[in-house]
Amino acid sequence: MSKRIRLACRGCDTDEGDGIDSIPSTWRDVTEVQSLAESRKVVPADDKTRSAFEWYTHLGFCPHCQKSEDTSCLT
């Protein structure tokens, strides 16, 4: 069951986590949003319930966005 995770960041548009085997320990607040099968379904242009931009199975915060968030808390 490899390559079953399509991980996206809530803060940026990185796709470095698309097609991975396990969630990296450096990512935070990761939650499963939909199944792999659901993430691969074609979204018709007239579908108002889904977005073609929701390609991921999991959402979280990548290390870069965590650093950005930590920095903004200090100001």
N, C-alpha and C. Protein backbone atom coordinates (compact mmCIF):
# COMPACT_ATOMS: atom_id res chain seq x y z
N MET A 1 0.82 -1.19 0.00
CA MET A 1 0.00 0.00 0.00
C MET A 1 0.87 1.26 0.00
N SER A 2 1.79 1.34 -0.92
CA SER A 2 2.66 2.50 -0.94
C SER A 2 2.09 3.62 -1.80
N LYS A 3 2.61 4.81 -1.58
CA LYS A 3 2.23 6.00 -2.35
C LYS A 3 0.74 6.29 -2.26
N ARG A 4 0.16 6.13 -1.08
CA ARG A 4 -1.26 6.32 -0.91
C ARG A 4 -1.62 7.64 -0.25
N ILE A 5 -0.60 8.47 0.01
CA ILE A 5 -0.84 9.76 0.66
C ILE A 5 -0.54 10.89 -0.31
N ARG A 6 -1.48 11.81 -0.38
CA ARG A 6 -1.30 13.02 -1.20
C ARG A 6 -1.43 14.19 -0.23
N LEU A 7 -0.30 14.61 0.32
CA LEU A 7 -0.25 15.59 1.40
C LEU A 7 -0.08 17.00 0.86
N ALA A 8 -0.97 17.90 1.25
CA ALA A 8 -0.90 19.31 0.85
C ALA A 8 -0.78 20.17 2.09
N CYS A 9 -0.18 21.35 1.90
CA CYS A 9 -0.02 22.29 3.00
C CYS A 9 -1.18 23.28 3.03
N ARG A 10 -1.65 23.60 4.22
CA ARG A 10 -2.73 24.58 4.38
C ARG A 10 -2.23 26.01 4.12
N GLY A 11 -0.93 26.21 4.21
CA GLY A 11 -0.39 27.56 4.11
C GLY A 11 0.23 27.93 2.78
N CYS A 12 0.63 26.95 1.98
CA CYS A 12 1.27 27.24 0.69
C CYS A 12 0.82 26.22 -0.34
N ASP A 13 1.33 26.35 -1.53
CA ASP A 13 0.89 25.46 -2.60
C ASP A 13 1.91 24.38 -2.96
N THR A 14 2.74 23.97 -2.02
CA THR A 14 3.72 22.92 -2.30
C THR A 14 3.02 21.60 -2.62
N ASP A 15 3.61 20.86 -3.53
CA ASP A 15 3.09 19.53 -3.83
C ASP A 15 4.15 18.46 -3.54
N GLU A 16 5.13 18.82 -2.72
CA GLU A 16 6.21 17.88 -2.38
C GLU A 16 5.71 16.64 -1.66
N GLY A 17 4.51 16.70 -1.09
CA GLY A 17 3.96 15.55 -0.38
C GLY A 17 2.99 14.74 -1.21
N ASP A 18 2.94 14.98 -2.51
CA ASP A 18 2.04 14.23 -3.37
C ASP A 18 2.66 12.89 -3.74
N GLY A 19 2.01 11.80 -3.35
CA GLY A 19 2.49 10.47 -3.69
C GLY A 19 3.55 9.95 -2.75
N ILE A 20 3.31 10.10 -1.45
CA ILE A 20 4.29 9.61 -0.45
C ILE A 20 3.72 8.40 0.29
N ASP A 21 4.61 7.67 0.96
CA ASP A 21 4.23 6.46 1.69
C ASP A 21 3.80 6.73 3.13
N SER A 22 4.38 7.76 3.73
CA SER A 22 4.06 8.08 5.12
C SER A 22 4.20 9.58 5.34
N ILE A 23 3.52 10.07 6.35
CA ILE A 23 3.55 11.50 6.64
C ILE A 23 4.86 11.85 7.34
N PRO A 24 5.61 12.80 6.79
CA PRO A 24 6.88 13.20 7.40
C PRO A 24 6.68 13.75 8.82
N SER A 25 7.58 13.44 9.70
CA SER A 25 7.48 13.90 11.09
C SER A 25 7.63 15.41 11.22
N THR A 26 8.14 16.06 10.18
CA THR A 26 8.33 17.50 10.21
C THR A 26 7.05 18.28 9.91
N TRP A 27 6.04 17.62 9.43
CA TRP A 27 4.75 18.26 9.16
C TRP A 27 3.91 18.25 10.43
N ARG A 28 3.07 19.27 10.62
CA ARG A 28 2.25 19.40 11.83
C ARG A 28 0.77 19.51 11.49
N ASP A 29 -0.05 19.14 12.45
CA ASP A 29 -1.51 19.27 12.36
C ASP A 29 -2.08 18.64 11.10
N VAL A 30 -1.62 17.45 10.77
CA VAL A 30 -2.07 16.76 9.56
C VAL A 30 -3.36 15.99 9.86
N THR A 31 -4.34 16.18 8.98
CA THR A 31 -5.60 15.46 9.09
C THR A 31 -5.95 14.85 7.73
N GLU A 32 -6.61 13.70 7.78
CA GLU A 32 -7.08 13.07 6.55
C GLU A 32 -8.37 13.76 6.12
N VAL A 33 -8.44 14.13 4.85
CA VAL A 33 -9.57 14.88 4.33
C VAL A 33 -10.46 14.01 3.46
N GLN A 34 -9.85 13.15 2.66
CA GLN A 34 -10.60 12.27 1.77
C GLN A 34 -9.74 11.07 1.40
N SER A 35 -10.37 10.08 0.81
CA SER A 35 -9.65 8.87 0.40
C SER A 35 -8.84 9.12 -0.86
N LEU A 36 -7.93 8.21 -1.15
CA LEU A 36 -7.14 8.32 -2.36
C LEU A 36 -8.05 8.26 -3.59
N ALA A 37 -9.02 7.37 -3.57
CA ALA A 37 -9.96 7.26 -4.70
C ALA A 37 -10.72 8.57 -4.90
N GLU A 38 -11.18 9.18 -3.82
CA GLU A 38 -11.90 10.46 -3.92
C GLU A 38 -11.00 11.55 -4.49
N SER A 39 -9.74 11.57 -4.07
CA SER A 39 -8.82 12.61 -4.52
C SER A 39 -8.52 12.52 -6.01
N ARG A 40 -8.71 11.34 -6.58
CA ARG A 40 -8.41 11.11 -8.00
C ARG A 40 -9.62 11.28 -8.91
N LYS A 41 -10.79 11.47 -8.35
CA LYS A 41 -11.99 11.62 -9.17
C LYS A 41 -11.95 12.93 -9.94
N VAL A 42 -12.39 12.86 -11.17
CA VAL A 42 -12.47 14.06 -12.01
C VAL A 42 -13.64 14.91 -11.51
N VAL A 43 -13.40 16.20 -11.38
CA VAL A 43 -14.43 17.12 -10.92
C VAL A 43 -14.95 17.90 -12.13
N PRO A 44 -16.22 17.67 -12.50
CA PRO A 44 -16.78 18.42 -13.63
C PRO A 44 -16.81 19.92 -13.33
N ALA A 45 -16.68 20.72 -14.37
CA ALA A 45 -16.64 22.18 -14.22
C ALA A 45 -17.91 22.73 -13.57
N ASP A 46 -19.04 22.07 -13.75
CA ASP A 46 -20.30 22.58 -13.20
C ASP A 46 -20.62 22.03 -11.80
N ASP A 47 -19.70 21.26 -11.23
CA ASP A 47 -19.91 20.71 -9.88
C ASP A 47 -19.63 21.78 -8.84
N LYS A 48 -20.66 22.20 -8.15
CA LYS A 48 -20.54 23.27 -7.14
C LYS A 48 -20.19 22.72 -5.75
N THR A 49 -20.10 21.39 -5.61
CA THR A 49 -19.83 20.79 -4.30
C THR A 49 -18.36 20.45 -4.09
N ARG A 50 -17.58 20.37 -5.18
CA ARG A 50 -16.16 20.02 -5.08
C ARG A 50 -15.33 20.95 -5.94
N SER A 51 -14.04 20.97 -5.66
CA SER A 51 -13.11 21.78 -6.44
C SER A 51 -12.01 20.89 -7.00
N ALA A 52 -11.61 21.18 -8.22
CA ALA A 52 -10.50 20.44 -8.84
C ALA A 52 -9.19 20.70 -8.11
N PHE A 53 -9.15 21.76 -7.32
CA PHE A 53 -7.94 22.10 -6.56
C PHE A 53 -7.80 21.26 -5.29
N GLU A 54 -8.79 20.46 -4.96
CA GLU A 54 -8.74 19.59 -3.77
C GLU A 54 -8.21 18.21 -4.16
N TRP A 55 -6.96 18.18 -4.61
CA TRP A 55 -6.31 16.97 -5.11
C TRP A 55 -5.74 16.09 -4.00
N TYR A 56 -5.69 16.58 -2.79
CA TYR A 56 -4.98 15.95 -1.69
C TYR A 56 -5.87 14.96 -0.91
N THR A 57 -5.20 14.08 -0.17
CA THR A 57 -5.89 13.19 0.77
C THR A 57 -5.74 13.70 2.19
N HIS A 58 -4.64 14.40 2.46
CA HIS A 58 -4.33 14.91 3.80
C HIS A 58 -3.93 16.39 3.71
N LEU A 59 -4.25 17.14 4.76
CA LEU A 59 -3.85 18.54 4.87
C LEU A 59 -3.10 18.76 6.17
N GLY A 60 -2.08 19.59 6.12
CA GLY A 60 -1.32 19.93 7.32
C GLY A 60 -0.48 21.17 7.05
N PHE A 61 0.50 21.40 7.91
CA PHE A 61 1.41 22.53 7.75
C PHE A 61 2.82 22.01 7.50
N CYS A 62 3.42 22.44 6.37
CA CYS A 62 4.78 22.03 6.03
C CYS A 62 5.77 22.75 6.94
N PRO A 63 7.00 22.28 7.00
CA PRO A 63 8.01 22.92 7.86
C PRO A 63 8.22 24.40 7.53
N HIS A 64 8.18 24.78 6.27
CA HIS A 64 8.38 26.18 5.88
C HIS A 64 7.27 27.07 6.46
N CYS A 65 6.04 26.64 6.33
CA CYS A 65 4.93 27.45 6.85
C CYS A 65 4.90 27.48 8.37
N GLN A 66 5.37 26.42 9.00
CA GLN A 66 5.48 26.42 10.46
C GLN A 66 6.46 27.49 10.91
N LYS A 67 7.60 27.60 10.21
CA LYS A 67 8.60 28.61 10.54
C LYS A 67 8.04 30.00 10.33
N SER A 68 7.30 30.20 9.25
CA SER A 68 6.69 31.51 8.97
C SER A 68 5.70 31.88 10.06
N GLU A 69 4.92 30.91 10.50
CA GLU A 69 3.93 31.15 11.55
C GLU A 69 4.61 31.47 12.89
N ASP A 70 5.66 30.74 13.20
CA ASP A 70 6.40 30.98 14.45
C ASP A 70 7.01 32.38 14.45
N THR A 71 7.54 32.82 13.33
CA THR A 71 8.13 34.14 13.21
C THR A 71 7.09 35.22 13.41
N SER A 72 5.91 35.05 12.84
CA SER A 72 4.88 36.08 12.94
C SER A 72 4.36 36.21 14.37
N CYS A 73 4.46 35.16 15.16
CA CYS A 73 4.02 35.21 16.54
C CYS A 73 4.96 36.06 17.40
N LEU A 74 6.18 36.26 16.94
CA LEU A 74 7.15 37.02 17.72
C LEU A 74 7.01 38.52 17.53
N THR A 75 6.28 38.95 16.54
CA THR A 75 6.17 40.39 16.27
C THR A 75 4.95 40.99 16.92
